Amino acid sequence: MLAAFPEPQAYEHWVGGNLNDALLFQGLRLHFSECDSRAPLPDSTLNSIVIHQRPDAYLFGRPVGEWTKDTVLRELRARGYDAQTPANGDVDRKLGLSFEDDGRLVWVEVYA
């Protein structure tokens, strides 16, 4: 997996702690199924991706930062996803989305 990212790993404040199951990059966390006390194991599988304000991240062919809550909900429903919007304003299911107060998408979580 590291060969796919030609950039150094980096810890950022938003990622939190207890992340020995993850590889960390600017605006990106990749979580794996198996790890030891230091890092994911080489034979583990990717089981979730978290994107937080990464400028080169895309969702459905468009930069993540171009999406708003309204546009992403329309896109998800057009693609047949049952997009749920709980009281906190996020979108939830196997795809977690969070938005700024202005409606701009700033957080994407994809679960296996």
C-alpha atoms as a PDB file:
ATOM      1  CA  MET A   1       0.000   0.000   0.000  1.00  0.00           C
ATOM      2  CA  LEU A   2       2.795   2.444   0.764  1.00  0.00           C
ATOM      3  CA  ALA A   3       4.054   2.115  -2.801  1.00  0.00           C
ATOM      4  CA  ALA A   4       0.751   3.633  -4.008  1.00  0.00           C
ATOM      5  CA  PHE A   5       1.405   6.885  -2.131  1.00  0.00           C
ATOM      6  CA  PRO A   6       4.551   8.741  -3.189  1.00  0.00           C
ATOM      7  CA  GLU A   7       4.397  10.979  -0.134  1.00  0.00           C
ATOM      8  CA  PRO A   8       5.549  10.639   3.445  1.00  0.00           C
ATOM      9  CA  GLN A   9       3.147   9.546   6.130  1.00  0.00           C
ATOM     10  CA  ALA A  10       2.035  12.433   8.322  1.00  0.00           C
ATOM     11  CA  TYR A  11       0.140  12.802  11.578  1.00  0.00           C
ATOM     12  CA  GLU A  12      -2.374  15.658  11.664  1.00  0.00           C
ATOM     13  CA  HIS A  13      -4.421  16.858  14.632  1.00  0.00           C
ATOM     14  CA  TRP A  14      -7.779  15.770  13.125  1.00  0.00           C
ATOM     15  CA  VAL A  15      -6.837  12.069  12.904  1.00  0.00           C
ATOM     16  CA  GLY A  16      -7.072  11.425  16.642  1.00  0.00           C
ATOM     17  CA  GLY A  17      -5.268   8.629  18.447  1.00  0.00           C
ATOM     18  CA  ASN A  18      -4.991   4.850  18.767  1.00  0.00           C
ATOM     19  CA  LEU A  19      -4.292   4.466  15.055  1.00  0.00           C
ATOM     20  CA  ASN A  20      -1.941   1.489  14.865  1.00  0.00           C
ATOM     21  CA  ASP A  21      -4.417  -0.011  12.352  1.00  0.00           C
ATOM     22  CA  ALA A  22      -3.972   2.942   9.957  1.00  0.00           C
ATOM     23  CA  LEU A  23      -1.622   4.590   7.499  1.00  0.00           C
ATOM     24  CA  LEU A  24      -1.762   8.377   7.793  1.00  0.00           C
ATOM     25  CA  PHE A  25      -1.215  10.925   5.028  1.00  0.00           C
ATOM     26  CA  GLN A  26      -2.151  14.587   4.581  1.00  0.00           C
ATOM     27  CA  GLY A  27      -5.953  14.634   4.764  1.00  0.00           C
ATOM     28  CA  LEU A  28      -6.199  10.844   4.542  1.00  0.00           C
ATOM     29  CA  ARG A  29      -6.460   7.849   6.886  1.00  0.00           C
ATOM     30  CA  LEU A  30      -6.404   4.304   5.542  1.00  0.00           C
ATOM     31  CA  HIS A  31      -7.559   1.678   8.080  1.00  0.00           C
ATOM     32  CA  PHE A  32      -6.739  -2.034   7.827  1.00  0.00           C
ATOM     33  CA  SER A  33      -8.132  -5.268   9.246  1.00  0.00           C
ATOM     34  CA  GLU A  34      -5.001  -6.492  11.070  1.00  0.00           C
ATOM     35  CA  CYS A  35      -2.226  -4.657  12.885  1.00  0.00           C
ATOM     36  CA  ASP A  36       0.421  -5.054  15.532  1.00  0.00           C
ATOM     37  CA  SER A  37       1.328  -2.466  18.179  1.00  0.00           C
ATOM     38  CA  ARG A  38       2.954  -0.207  15.578  1.00  0.00           C
ATOM     39  CA  ALA A  39       1.238  -0.467  12.194  1.00  0.00           C
ATOM     40  CA  PRO A  40      -1.022  -2.472   9.874  1.00  0.00           C
ATOM     41  CA  LEU A  41       0.323  -5.901   8.979  1.00  0.00           C
ATOM     42  CA  PRO A  42       1.443  -6.543   5.381  1.00  0.00           C
ATOM     43  CA  ASP A  43      -1.246  -9.189   4.774  1.00  0.00           C
ATOM     44  CA  SER A  44      -4.149  -7.146   6.173  1.00  0.00           C
ATOM     45  CA  THR A  45      -6.929  -5.733   4.008  1.00  0.00           C
ATOM     46  CA  LEU A  46      -8.149  -2.167   3.642  1.00  0.00           C
ATOM     47  CA  ASN A  47     -11.446  -1.783   5.508  1.00  0.00           C
ATOM     48  CA  SER A  48     -12.086   1.960   5.659  1.00  0.00           C
ATOM     49  CA  ILE A  49     -10.914   5.242   4.193  1.00  0.00           C
ATOM     50  CA  VAL A  50     -11.289   8.662   5.805  1.00  0.00           C
ATOM     51  CA  ILE A  51     -10.753  11.836   3.767  1.00  0.00           C
ATOM     52  CA  HIS A  52     -10.604  15.208   5.497  1.00  0.00           C
ATOM     53  CA  GLN A  53     -10.068  18.278   3.320  1.00  0.00           C
ATOM     54  CA  ARG A  54      -7.543  16.592   1.020  1.00  0.00           C
ATOM     55  CA  PRO A  55      -7.342  18.794  -2.093  1.00  0.00           C
ATOM     56  CA  ASP A  56      -6.655  15.973  -4.583  1.00  0.00           C
ATOM     57  CA  ALA A  57      -9.418  13.627  -3.335  1.00  0.00           C
ATOM     58  CA  TYR A  58     -12.338  12.937  -5.663  1.00  0.00           C
ATOM     59  CA  LEU A  59     -15.850  11.621  -5.108  1.00  0.00           C
ATOM     60  CA  PHE A  60     -17.856  10.494  -8.156  1.00  0.00           C
ATOM     61  CA  GLY A  61     -15.356  12.152 -10.494  1.00  0.00           C
ATOM     62  CA  ARG A  62     -15.406  15.591  -8.844  1.00  0.00           C
ATOM     63  CA  PRO A  63     -13.114  17.085  -6.188  1.00  0.00           C
ATOM     64  CA  VAL A  64     -14.525  16.460  -2.716  1.00  0.00           C
ATOM     65  CA  GLY A  65     -14.441  20.197  -1.936  1.00  0.00           C
ATOM     66  CA  GLU A  66     -16.861  20.964  -4.804  1.00  0.00           C
ATOM     67  CA  TRP A  67     -19.683  18.912  -3.305  1.00  0.00           C
ATOM     68  CA  THR A  68     -22.392  20.375  -1.081  1.00  0.00           C
ATOM     69  CA  LYS A  69     -24.900  18.462   0.975  1.00  0.00           C
ATOM     70  CA  ASP A  70     -27.635  19.021  -1.608  1.00  0.00           C
ATOM     71  CA  THR A  71     -25.537  18.023  -4.619  1.00  0.00           C
ATOM     72  CA  VAL A  72     -24.075  14.912  -3.002  1.00  0.00           C
ATOM     73  CA  LEU A  73     -27.497  13.751  -1.787  1.00  0.00           C
ATOM     74  CA  ARG A  74     -28.888  14.119  -5.316  1.00  0.00           C
ATOM     75  CA  GLU A  75     -25.915  12.186  -6.732  1.00  0.00           C
ATOM     76  CA  LEU A  76     -26.207   9.389  -4.168  1.00  0.00           C
ATOM     77  CA  ARG A  77     -29.941   8.969  -4.749  1.00  0.00           C
ATOM     78  CA  ALA A  78     -29.461   9.052  -8.536  1.00  0.00           C
ATOM     79  CA  ARG A  79     -26.989   6.183  -8.111  1.00  0.00           C
ATOM     80  CA  GLY A  80     -29.480   4.170  -6.052  1.00  0.00           C
ATOM     81  CA  TYR A  81     -27.974   4.719  -2.591  1.00  0.00           C
ATOM     82  CA  ASP A  82     -30.307   4.965   0.396  1.00  0.00           C
ATOM     83  CA  ALA A  83     -28.750   8.133   1.811  1.00  0.00           C
ATOM     84  CA  GLN A  84     -29.897   8.698   5.395  1.00  0.00           C
ATOM     85  CA  THR A  85     -29.580  12.136   6.984  1.00  0.00           C
ATOM     86  CA  PRO A  86     -29.684  11.932  10.794  1.00  0.00           C
ATOM     87  CA  ALA A  87     -30.422  14.947  13.018  1.00  0.00           C
ATOM     88  CA  ASN A  88     -26.747  15.997  13.133  1.00  0.00           C
ATOM     89  CA  GLY A  89     -26.946  16.842   9.411  1.00  0.00           C
ATOM     90  CA  ASP A  90     -24.467  14.253   8.206  1.00  0.00           C
ATOM     91  CA  VAL A  91     -25.111  11.525   5.662  1.00  0.00           C
ATOM     92  CA  ASP A  92     -24.772   7.987   6.927  1.00  0.00           C
ATOM     93  CA  ARG A  93     -24.631   4.326   5.812  1.00  0.00           C
ATOM     94  CA  LYS A  94     -21.541   2.624   4.339  1.00  0.00           C
ATOM     95  CA  LEU A  95     -20.542   6.110   3.250  1.00  0.00           C
ATOM     96  CA  GLY A  96     -20.267   8.729   6.002  1.00  0.00           C
ATOM     97  CA  LEU A  97     -20.274  12.381   4.939  1.00  0.00           C
ATOM     98  CA  SER A  98     -19.934  15.509   7.068  1.00  0.00           C
ATOM     99  CA  PHE A  99     -20.430  19.116   6.055  1.00  0.00           C
ATOM    100  CA  GLU A 100     -19.397  22.616   7.121  1.00  0.00           C
ATOM    101  CA  ASP A 101     -22.113  25.028   8.259  1.00  0.00           C
ATOM    102  CA  ASP A 102     -22.293  26.384   4.691  1.00  0.00           C
ATOM    103  CA  GLY A 103     -23.131  22.887   3.398  1.00  0.00           C
ATOM    104  CA  ARG A 104     -19.708  22.174   1.829  1.00  0.00           C
ATOM    105  CA  LEU A 105     -18.477  18.569   2.084  1.00  0.00           C
ATOM    106  CA  VAL A 106     -15.352  18.325   4.277  1.00  0.00           C
ATOM    107  CA  TRP A 107     -15.290  14.735   5.565  1.00  0.00           C
ATOM    108  CA  VAL A 108     -15.764  11.414   3.757  1.00  0.00           C
ATOM    109  CA  GLU A 109     -15.655   7.947   5.316  1.00  0.00           C
ATOM    110  CA  VAL A 110     -15.995   4.818   3.185  1.00  0.00           C
ATOM    111  CA  TYR A 111     -16.458   1.520   5.018  1.00  0.00           C
ATOM    112  CA  ALA A 112     -15.935  -2.005   3.692  1.00  0.00           C
END
